[in-house]
Amino acid sequence: MTETHAAPAPLMLTVSGEDDQVHLRSLRDWLTREDLFRGRLSLQGEAPRPGQMGAAVEVLMVAVGSGGAATVLARSVTTWLTQRRADVKVTVQTPGGSRIVVDVKRAADPERVIAETRALLDRTGS
């Protein structure tokens, strides 16, 4: 019998705050240290919003499948956030538009962030 796995759900991570694109690249570099995410991360452009001038905003796409990936992602994001000296927020969004926002205050309770991230993925069917 052949076991089949669902394709990883692509999550979109954005960082908001001062120097958000610098922090987004830092988050990408941080996540590449996790074996589970090697080859599953990509920076992609997002079209400018109405009234927004300048270059397109980059987002970090993370292909997350089953098997604890939500836990690893949530724990990595919360650890990364607690080490920032800047006031930044990370938004994790599913293709369907469901999202959670994590900032340093919320990152102080990583178990709650992990539970919310798992619930977010459960809603996408991952």
N, C-alpha and C. Protein backbone atom coordinates (compact mmCIF):
# COMPACT_ATOMS: atom_id res chain seq x y z
N MET A 1 0.85 -1.17 0.00
CA MET A 1 0.00 0.00 0.00
C MET A 1 0.90 1.25 0.00
N THR A 2 0.61 2.18 -0.84
CA THR A 2 1.39 3.40 -0.95
C THR A 2 0.77 4.48 -0.09
N GLU A 3 1.61 5.11 0.73
CA GLU A 3 1.13 6.19 1.58
C GLU A 3 1.26 7.50 0.82
N THR A 4 0.20 8.31 0.85
CA THR A 4 0.25 9.60 0.18
C THR A 4 0.19 10.70 1.23
N HIS A 5 0.86 11.78 0.93
CA HIS A 5 0.88 12.93 1.83
C HIS A 5 0.33 14.13 1.08
N ALA A 6 -0.40 14.96 1.80
CA ALA A 6 -0.90 16.19 1.20
C ALA A 6 0.27 17.12 0.95
N ALA A 7 0.16 17.92 -0.08
CA ALA A 7 1.21 18.90 -0.37
C ALA A 7 1.28 19.89 0.79
N PRO A 8 2.49 20.35 1.12
CA PRO A 8 2.62 21.31 2.20
C PRO A 8 1.80 22.56 1.95
N ALA A 9 1.16 23.06 3.00
CA ALA A 9 0.38 24.29 2.89
C ALA A 9 1.35 25.48 2.87
N PRO A 10 1.28 26.31 1.84
CA PRO A 10 2.17 27.47 1.82
C PRO A 10 1.65 28.56 2.75
N LEU A 11 2.43 28.91 3.73
CA LEU A 11 2.07 30.00 4.63
C LEU A 11 2.83 31.24 4.21
N MET A 12 2.21 32.39 4.38
CA MET A 12 2.82 33.65 4.02
C MET A 12 3.16 34.39 5.31
N LEU A 13 4.44 34.69 5.50
CA LEU A 13 4.89 35.42 6.67
C LEU A 13 5.29 36.82 6.25
N THR A 14 4.78 37.80 6.97
CA THR A 14 5.18 39.18 6.74
C THR A 14 5.64 39.76 8.07
N VAL A 15 6.52 40.74 7.98
CA VAL A 15 7.02 41.42 9.17
C VAL A 15 6.64 42.88 9.04
N SER A 16 6.08 43.42 10.12
CA SER A 16 5.74 44.85 10.11
C SER A 16 6.50 45.53 11.24
N GLY A 17 6.87 46.75 10.98
CA GLY A 17 7.66 47.54 11.92
C GLY A 17 8.74 48.27 11.15
N GLU A 18 9.58 48.97 11.88
CA GLU A 18 10.67 49.71 11.23
C GLU A 18 11.64 48.73 10.57
N ASP A 19 12.07 49.05 9.38
CA ASP A 19 12.99 48.19 8.61
C ASP A 19 12.42 46.79 8.43
N ASP A 20 11.15 46.71 8.10
CA ASP A 20 10.47 45.41 8.02
C ASP A 20 11.12 44.45 7.03
N GLN A 21 11.61 44.95 5.91
CA GLN A 21 12.22 44.06 4.93
C GLN A 21 13.56 43.50 5.43
N VAL A 22 14.29 44.28 6.19
CA VAL A 22 15.54 43.80 6.79
C VAL A 22 15.21 42.68 7.78
N HIS A 23 14.19 42.91 8.59
CA HIS A 23 13.79 41.90 9.57
C HIS A 23 13.22 40.65 8.89
N LEU A 24 12.52 40.83 7.79
CA LEU A 24 11.98 39.67 7.07
C LEU A 24 13.12 38.79 6.56
N ARG A 25 14.15 39.40 6.03
CA ARG A 25 15.31 38.62 5.57
C ARG A 25 16.02 37.94 6.74
N SER A 26 16.07 38.63 7.87
CA SER A 26 16.66 38.05 9.07
C SER A 26 15.85 36.83 9.52
N LEU A 27 14.52 36.93 9.47
CA LEU A 27 13.67 35.80 9.82
C LEU A 27 13.89 34.64 8.87
N ARG A 28 13.99 34.94 7.59
CA ARG A 28 14.27 33.87 6.62
C ARG A 28 15.59 33.18 6.94
N ASP A 29 16.62 33.96 7.21
CA ASP A 29 17.92 33.38 7.55
C ASP A 29 17.83 32.53 8.82
N TRP A 30 17.06 33.01 9.79
CA TRP A 30 16.86 32.28 11.04
C TRP A 30 16.18 30.93 10.76
N LEU A 31 15.13 30.95 9.95
CA LEU A 31 14.38 29.71 9.68
C LEU A 31 15.17 28.71 8.86
N THR A 32 16.12 29.18 8.07
CA THR A 32 16.93 28.24 7.29
C THR A 32 17.82 27.38 8.18
N ARG A 33 17.98 27.78 9.42
CA ARG A 33 18.75 26.98 10.37
C ARG A 33 17.99 25.73 10.82
N GLU A 34 16.70 25.72 10.60
CA GLU A 34 15.86 24.58 10.94
C GLU A 34 15.88 23.60 9.76
N ASP A 35 16.36 22.39 9.99
CA ASP A 35 16.42 21.39 8.92
C ASP A 35 15.08 21.22 8.21
N LEU A 36 14.00 21.28 8.97
CA LEU A 36 12.66 21.06 8.42
C LEU A 36 12.28 22.07 7.34
N PHE A 37 12.87 23.27 7.39
CA PHE A 37 12.48 24.32 6.45
C PHE A 37 13.48 24.52 5.31
N ARG A 38 14.57 23.81 5.32
CA ARG A 38 15.54 23.95 4.22
C ARG A 38 14.86 23.55 2.91
N GLY A 39 14.95 24.42 1.93
CA GLY A 39 14.31 24.16 0.65
C GLY A 39 12.83 24.46 0.63
N ARG A 40 12.28 24.95 1.74
CA ARG A 40 10.85 25.25 1.82
C ARG A 40 10.57 26.73 2.05
N LEU A 41 11.57 27.56 1.90
CA LEU A 41 11.44 28.99 2.14
C LEU A 41 11.72 29.76 0.87
N SER A 42 10.93 30.78 0.62
CA SER A 42 11.22 31.66 -0.52
C SER A 42 10.67 33.05 -0.26
N LEU A 43 11.44 34.05 -0.65
CA LEU A 43 10.97 35.43 -0.59
C LEU A 43 10.26 35.72 -1.90
N GLN A 44 9.09 36.30 -1.81
CA GLN A 44 8.32 36.63 -3.01
C GLN A 44 7.78 38.03 -2.88
N GLY A 45 7.61 38.68 -4.03
CA GLY A 45 7.06 40.02 -4.05
C GLY A 45 5.54 39.99 -3.98
N GLU A 46 5.01 41.00 -3.38
CA GLU A 46 3.56 41.18 -3.31
C GLU A 46 3.27 42.54 -3.94
N ALA A 47 2.25 42.61 -4.73
CA ALA A 47 1.92 43.86 -5.42
C ALA A 47 1.68 44.98 -4.41
N PRO A 48 2.11 46.20 -4.74
CA PRO A 48 1.85 47.33 -3.85
C PRO A 48 0.35 47.52 -3.66
N ARG A 49 -0.03 47.92 -2.47
CA ARG A 49 -1.45 48.16 -2.16
C ARG A 49 -1.88 49.48 -2.79
N PRO A 50 -3.19 49.68 -2.97
CA PRO A 50 -3.65 50.95 -3.54
C PRO A 50 -3.13 52.14 -2.73
N GLY A 51 -2.59 53.12 -3.44
CA GLY A 51 -2.05 54.31 -2.81
C GLY A 51 -0.63 54.16 -2.31
N GLN A 52 -0.09 52.95 -2.39
CA GLN A 52 1.28 52.71 -1.93
C GLN A 52 2.25 52.95 -3.07
N MET A 53 3.31 53.67 -2.79
CA MET A 53 4.32 53.93 -3.81
C MET A 53 5.55 53.10 -3.50
N GLY A 54 6.39 52.94 -4.47
CA GLY A 54 7.65 52.26 -4.23
C GLY A 54 7.62 50.81 -4.65
N ALA A 55 8.65 50.10 -4.20
CA ALA A 55 8.83 48.71 -4.59
C ALA A 55 7.78 47.81 -3.94
N ALA A 56 7.60 46.68 -4.56
CA ALA A 56 6.66 45.70 -4.03
C ALA A 56 7.17 45.19 -2.68
N VAL A 57 6.24 44.85 -1.82
CA VAL A 57 6.55 44.31 -0.51
C VAL A 57 6.90 42.84 -0.66
N GLU A 58 7.96 42.41 0.01
CA GLU A 58 8.32 41.01 -0.04
C GLU A 58 7.66 40.27 1.11
N VAL A 59 7.30 39.03 0.84
CA VAL A 59 6.75 38.15 1.86
C VAL A 59 7.58 36.87 1.86
N LEU A 60 7.58 36.20 2.98
CA LEU A 60 8.31 34.95 3.11
C LEU A 60 7.30 33.82 3.02
N MET A 61 7.44 32.99 2.00
CA MET A 61 6.57 31.84 1.83
C MET A 61 7.24 30.63 2.48
N VAL A 62 6.47 29.91 3.29
CA VAL A 62 6.99 28.74 3.98
C VAL A 62 6.07 27.58 3.66
N ALA A 63 6.60 26.54 3.04
CA ALA A 63 5.82 25.34 2.75
C ALA A 63 5.83 24.48 4.00
N VAL A 64 4.66 24.37 4.62
CA VAL A 64 4.54 23.64 5.89
C VAL A 64 3.61 22.46 5.69
N GLY A 65 4.11 21.27 5.94
CA GLY A 65 3.28 20.07 5.86
C GLY A 65 2.95 19.60 7.26
N SER A 66 2.65 18.35 7.37
CA SER A 66 2.31 17.77 8.66
C SER A 66 3.58 17.35 9.39
N GLY A 67 3.41 16.76 10.55
CA GLY A 67 4.54 16.20 11.26
C GLY A 67 5.31 17.17 12.11
N GLY A 68 4.63 18.05 12.80
CA GLY A 68 5.31 18.93 13.73
C GLY A 68 5.85 20.21 13.14
N ALA A 69 5.61 20.45 11.87
CA ALA A 69 6.14 21.67 11.24
C ALA A 69 5.55 22.92 11.88
N ALA A 70 4.29 22.87 12.28
CA ALA A 70 3.66 24.03 12.92
C ALA A 70 4.36 24.36 14.23
N THR A 71 4.69 23.33 14.98
CA THR A 71 5.38 23.54 16.26
C THR A 71 6.75 24.15 16.04
N VAL A 72 7.49 23.62 15.08
CA VAL A 72 8.83 24.13 14.79
C VAL A 72 8.75 25.58 14.30
N LEU A 73 7.80 25.87 13.41
CA LEU A 73 7.65 27.22 12.90
C LEU A 73 7.30 28.19 14.04
N ALA A 74 6.30 27.85 14.84
CA ALA A 74 5.88 28.74 15.91
C ALA A 74 6.99 28.97 16.92
N ARG A 75 7.69 27.91 17.30
CA ARG A 75 8.77 28.05 18.27
C ARG A 75 9.92 28.88 17.69
N SER A 76 10.24 28.67 16.43
CA SER A 76 11.32 29.44 15.79
C SER A 76 10.96 30.91 15.69
N VAL A 77 9.73 31.21 15.28
CA VAL A 77 9.30 32.60 15.15
C VAL A 77 9.30 33.29 16.51
N THR A 78 8.79 32.61 17.55
CA THR A 78 8.76 33.24 18.87
C THR A 78 10.17 33.47 19.41
N THR A 79 11.06 32.53 19.20
CA THR A 79 12.44 32.71 19.64
C THR A 79 13.10 33.86 18.90
N TRP A 80 12.89 33.91 17.59
CA TRP A 80 13.46 34.99 16.78
C TRP A 80 12.94 36.35 17.28
N LEU A 81 11.64 36.42 17.52
CA LEU A 81 11.04 37.69 17.97
C LEU A 81 11.61 38.15 19.30
N THR A 82 11.78 37.23 20.23
CA THR A 82 12.27 37.63 21.55
C THR A 82 13.72 38.12 21.51
N GLN A 83 14.43 37.83 20.44
CA GLN A 83 15.81 38.28 20.30
C GLN A 83 15.94 39.60 19.53
N ARG A 84 14.83 40.13 19.03
CA ARG A 84 14.85 41.39 18.29
C ARG A 84 14.93 42.55 19.28
N ARG A 85 15.66 43.56 18.90
CA ARG A 85 15.71 44.79 19.68
C ARG A 85 14.68 45.80 19.17
N ALA A 86 14.14 45.53 18.02
CA ALA A 86 13.15 46.42 17.41
C ALA A 86 11.75 45.92 17.74
N ASP A 87 10.79 46.81 17.63
CA ASP A 87 9.39 46.47 17.86
C ASP A 87 8.79 46.01 16.52
N VAL A 88 8.81 44.70 16.30
CA VAL A 88 8.29 44.14 15.06
C VAL A 88 7.21 43.12 15.37
N LYS A 89 6.38 42.88 14.37
CA LYS A 89 5.33 41.87 14.46
C LYS A 89 5.46 40.95 13.26
N VAL A 90 5.15 39.67 13.47
CA VAL A 90 5.14 38.70 12.39
C VAL A 90 3.70 38.24 12.20
N THR A 91 3.23 38.33 10.96
CA THR A 91 1.91 37.83 10.62
C THR A 91 2.07 36.55 9.81
N VAL A 92 1.38 35.50 10.25
CA VAL A 92 1.38 34.22 9.55
C VAL A 92 -0.02 34.07 8.95
N GLN A 93 -0.09 33.92 7.62
CA GLN A 93 -1.37 33.87 6.94
C GLN A 93 -1.44 32.65 6.04
N THR A 94 -2.60 32.02 6.01
CA THR A 94 -2.84 30.88 5.14
C THR A 94 -3.31 31.37 3.77
N PRO A 95 -3.29 30.50 2.76
CA PRO A 95 -3.80 30.91 1.45
C PRO A 95 -5.27 31.34 1.50
N GLY A 96 -6.02 30.81 2.46
CA GLY A 96 -7.43 31.17 2.60
C GLY A 96 -7.68 32.47 3.32
N GLY A 97 -6.62 33.09 3.84
CA GLY A 97 -6.77 34.38 4.50
C GLY A 97 -6.79 34.33 6.02
N SER A 98 -6.85 33.15 6.63
CA SER A 98 -6.78 33.07 8.08
C SER A 98 -5.39 33.48 8.52
N ARG A 99 -5.30 34.17 9.67
CA ARG A 99 -3.98 34.62 10.08
C ARG A 99 -3.89 34.78 11.59
N ILE A 100 -2.65 34.78 12.05
CA ILE A 100 -2.34 35.15 13.43
C ILE A 100 -1.21 36.16 13.38
N VAL A 101 -1.19 37.04 14.36
CA VAL A 101 -0.15 38.05 14.46
C VAL A 101 0.58 37.81 15.77
N VAL A 102 1.90 37.75 15.68
CA VAL A 102 2.73 37.50 16.86
C VAL A 102 3.68 38.67 17.04
N ASP A 103 3.69 39.22 18.25
CA ASP A 103 4.66 40.25 18.58
C ASP A 103 5.46 39.78 19.79
N VAL A 104 6.36 40.62 20.28
CA VAL A 104 7.23 40.21 21.37
C VAL A 104 6.43 39.84 22.62
N LYS A 105 5.36 40.59 22.92
CA LYS A 105 4.55 40.28 24.10
C LYS A 105 3.93 38.90 23.99
N ARG A 106 3.39 38.58 22.84
CA ARG A 106 2.77 37.26 22.64
C ARG A 106 3.83 36.16 22.58
N ALA A 107 5.02 36.50 22.07
CA ALA A 107 6.09 35.51 21.97
C ALA A 107 6.57 35.06 23.34
N ALA A 108 6.25 35.83 24.38
CA ALA A 108 6.64 35.44 25.74
C ALA A 108 5.89 34.19 26.18
N ASP A 109 4.82 33.82 25.47
CA ASP A 109 4.05 32.61 25.77
C ASP A 109 4.09 31.70 24.54
N PRO A 110 5.26 31.06 24.27
CA PRO A 110 5.40 30.29 23.04
C PRO A 110 4.42 29.13 22.92
N GLU A 111 4.00 28.54 24.03
CA GLU A 111 3.05 27.42 23.95
C GLU A 111 1.71 27.88 23.38
N ARG A 112 1.29 29.07 23.73
CA ARG A 112 0.04 29.62 23.19
C ARG A 112 0.19 29.89 21.68
N VAL A 113 1.33 30.44 21.29
CA VAL A 113 1.58 30.71 19.86
C VAL A 113 1.61 29.40 19.09
N ILE A 114 2.23 28.37 19.66
CA ILE A 114 2.27 27.05 19.01
C ILE A 114 0.85 26.52 18.84
N ALA A 115 0.04 26.60 19.88
CA ALA A 115 -1.34 26.11 19.79
C ALA A 115 -2.13 26.88 18.73
N GLU A 116 -1.95 28.19 18.67
CA GLU A 116 -2.67 28.99 17.68
C GLU A 116 -2.19 28.68 16.26
N THR A 117 -0.90 28.43 16.10
CA THR A 117 -0.36 28.09 14.78
C THR A 117 -0.89 26.74 14.33
N ARG A 118 -0.93 25.77 15.24
CA ARG A 118 -1.51 24.47 14.90
C ARG A 118 -2.97 24.60 14.50
N ALA A 119 -3.72 25.39 15.25
CA ALA A 119 -5.14 25.60 14.93
C ALA A 119 -5.29 26.26 13.56
N LEU A 120 -4.40 27.20 13.26
CA LEU A 120 -4.42 27.85 11.95
C LEU A 120 -4.22 26.83 10.84
N LEU A 121 -3.24 25.95 11.02
CA LEU A 121 -2.97 24.91 10.01
C LEU A 121 -4.10 23.90 9.94
N ASP A 122 -4.71 23.58 11.07
CA ASP A 122 -5.84 22.64 11.06
C ASP A 122 -6.99 23.17 10.22
N ARG A 123 -7.19 24.49 10.26
CA ARG A 123 -8.27 25.08 9.47
C ARG A 123 -8.00 25.00 7.97
N THR A 124 -6.71 24.85 7.59
CA THR A 124 -6.38 24.75 6.17
C THR A 124 -6.38 23.32 5.69
N GLY A 125 -6.51 22.36 6.62
CA GLY A 125 -6.52 20.96 6.24
C GLY A 125 -5.16 20.35 6.14
N SER A 126 -4.13 21.01 6.69
CA SER A 126 -2.77 20.46 6.65
C SER A 126 -2.59 19.42 7.72
